[in-house]
Amino acid sequence: MPPADDQWILDARRAIGDRVRVRRIHLNMTQERLAEAAEIDRSTLQRIEYGEESKISHLLLIARALRVHVRDLLG
């Protein structure tokens, strides 16, 4: 994580990752299965769930795979 990130940004990324993980588990999906459905690498999904990454294009793909609107992941 770059040291220039404000704390609120880090907190928001973690919250997004938590919502992705909760929805994935609710749908009984593994990280591997969701990554495949979203057409992204499993390692990318893992970084998103841990709040280390939050590229909007990846979030859009994940939202589509989870059958939710991206706003549901963003809170």
C-alpha atoms as a PDB file:
ATOM      1  CA  MET A   1       0.000   0.000   0.000  1.00  0.00           C
ATOM      2  CA  PRO A   2       1.345   3.391  -0.890  1.00  0.00           C
ATOM      3  CA  PRO A   3       1.955   5.518   2.205  1.00  0.00           C
ATOM      4  CA  ALA A   4       0.134   8.462   0.573  1.00  0.00           C
ATOM      5  CA  ASP A   5      -3.259   6.696   0.870  1.00  0.00           C
ATOM      6  CA  ASP A   6      -5.543   8.385   3.344  1.00  0.00           C
ATOM      7  CA  GLN A   7      -6.989   6.156   6.052  1.00  0.00           C
ATOM      8  CA  TRP A   8     -10.548   6.609   4.774  1.00  0.00           C
ATOM      9  CA  ILE A   9      -9.510   5.180   1.406  1.00  0.00           C
ATOM     10  CA  LEU A  10      -7.960   2.141   3.066  1.00  0.00           C
ATOM     11  CA  ASP A  11     -11.065   1.693   5.232  1.00  0.00           C
ATOM     12  CA  ALA A  12     -13.331   1.950   2.176  1.00  0.00           C
ATOM     13  CA  ARG A  13     -11.294  -0.649   0.282  1.00  0.00           C
ATOM     14  CA  ARG A  14     -11.518  -3.030   3.243  1.00  0.00           C
ATOM     15  CA  ALA A  15     -15.278  -2.474   3.485  1.00  0.00           C
ATOM     16  CA  ILE A  16     -15.689  -3.213  -0.229  1.00  0.00           C
ATOM     17  CA  GLY A  17     -13.615  -6.364   0.141  1.00  0.00           C
ATOM     18  CA  ASP A  18     -15.742  -7.443   3.102  1.00  0.00           C
ATOM     19  CA  ARG A  19     -18.948  -6.984   1.085  1.00  0.00           C
ATOM     20  CA  VAL A  20     -17.501  -8.990  -1.827  1.00  0.00           C
ATOM     21  CA  ARG A  21     -16.469 -11.801   0.521  1.00  0.00           C
ATOM     22  CA  VAL A  22     -19.825 -11.860   2.368  1.00  0.00           C
ATOM     23  CA  ARG A  23     -21.785 -12.015  -0.896  1.00  0.00           C
ATOM     24  CA  ARG A  24     -19.465 -14.697  -2.309  1.00  0.00           C
ATOM     25  CA  ILE A  25     -19.882 -16.834   0.793  1.00  0.00           C
ATOM     26  CA  HIS A  26     -23.649 -16.222   0.788  1.00  0.00           C
ATOM     27  CA  LEU A  27     -23.732 -17.661  -2.736  1.00  0.00           C
ATOM     28  CA  ASN A  28     -21.550 -20.576  -1.599  1.00  0.00           C
ATOM     29  CA  MET A  29     -18.842 -19.643  -4.108  1.00  0.00           C
ATOM     30  CA  THR A  30     -15.141 -20.252  -3.746  1.00  0.00           C
ATOM     31  CA  GLN A  31     -12.679 -17.515  -4.636  1.00  0.00           C
ATOM     32  CA  GLU A  32     -11.619 -19.621  -7.587  1.00  0.00           C
ATOM     33  CA  ARG A  33     -15.186 -19.967  -8.881  1.00  0.00           C
ATOM     34  CA  LEU A  34     -15.954 -16.264  -8.476  1.00  0.00           C
ATOM     35  CA  ALA A  35     -12.688 -15.254 -10.134  1.00  0.00           C
ATOM     36  CA  GLU A  36     -13.503 -17.520 -13.064  1.00  0.00           C
ATOM     37  CA  ALA A  37     -17.058 -16.130 -13.325  1.00  0.00           C
ATOM     38  CA  ALA A  38     -15.724 -12.551 -13.146  1.00  0.00           C
ATOM     39  CA  GLU A  39     -12.953 -13.366 -15.625  1.00  0.00           C
ATOM     40  CA  ILE A  40     -10.196 -12.118 -13.326  1.00  0.00           C
ATOM     41  CA  ASP A  41      -7.257 -13.811 -11.626  1.00  0.00           C
ATOM     42  CA  ARG A  42      -7.916 -15.421  -8.261  1.00  0.00           C
ATOM     43  CA  SER A  43      -4.999 -13.423  -6.839  1.00  0.00           C
ATOM     44  CA  THR A  44      -6.712 -10.198  -7.941  1.00  0.00           C
ATOM     45  CA  LEU A  45      -9.919 -11.257  -6.204  1.00  0.00           C
ATOM     46  CA  GLN A  46      -7.937 -12.131  -3.108  1.00  0.00           C
ATOM     47  CA  ARG A  47      -6.332  -8.666  -3.051  1.00  0.00           C
ATOM     48  CA  ILE A  48      -9.763  -7.052  -3.422  1.00  0.00           C
ATOM     49  CA  GLU A  49     -11.227  -9.113  -0.575  1.00  0.00           C
ATOM     50  CA  TYR A  50      -8.289  -8.112   1.660  1.00  0.00           C
ATOM     51  CA  GLY A  51      -8.720  -4.444   0.747  1.00  0.00           C
ATOM     52  CA  GLU A  52      -5.433  -4.200  -1.099  1.00  0.00           C
ATOM     53  CA  GLU A  53      -6.935  -3.411  -4.508  1.00  0.00           C
ATOM     54  CA  SER A  54     -10.166  -1.934  -5.786  1.00  0.00           C
ATOM     55  CA  LYS A  55      -9.952  -1.221  -9.494  1.00  0.00           C
ATOM     56  CA  ILE A  56     -13.414  -0.283 -10.694  1.00  0.00           C
ATOM     57  CA  SER A  57     -13.210  -2.521 -13.765  1.00  0.00           C
ATOM     58  CA  HIS A  58     -12.562  -5.541 -11.548  1.00  0.00           C
ATOM     59  CA  LEU A  59     -15.392  -4.543  -9.217  1.00  0.00           C
ATOM     60  CA  LEU A  60     -17.783  -4.267 -12.160  1.00  0.00           C
ATOM     61  CA  LEU A  61     -16.848  -7.765 -13.321  1.00  0.00           C
ATOM     62  CA  ILE A  62     -17.239  -9.154  -9.806  1.00  0.00           C
ATOM     63  CA  ALA A  63     -20.615  -7.454  -9.341  1.00  0.00           C
ATOM     64  CA  ARG A  64     -21.859  -8.979 -12.570  1.00  0.00           C
ATOM     65  CA  ALA A  65     -20.648 -12.427 -11.515  1.00  0.00           C
ATOM     66  CA  LEU A  66     -22.316 -12.048  -8.103  1.00  0.00           C
ATOM     67  CA  ARG A  67     -25.509 -10.778  -9.757  1.00  0.00           C
ATOM     68  CA  VAL A  68     -25.545  -7.529  -7.772  1.00  0.00           C
ATOM     69  CA  HIS A  69     -25.175  -3.881  -8.707  1.00  0.00           C
ATOM     70  CA  VAL A  70     -21.723  -2.465  -8.083  1.00  0.00           C
ATOM     71  CA  ARG A  71     -23.312   0.045  -5.649  1.00  0.00           C
ATOM     72  CA  ASP A  72     -24.120  -2.946  -3.397  1.00  0.00           C
ATOM     73  CA  LEU A  73     -20.392  -3.632  -3.134  1.00  0.00           C
ATOM     74  CA  LEU A  74     -19.481   0.015  -2.689  1.00  0.00           C
ATOM     75  CA  GLY A  75     -22.053   0.540   0.053  1.00  0.00           C
END
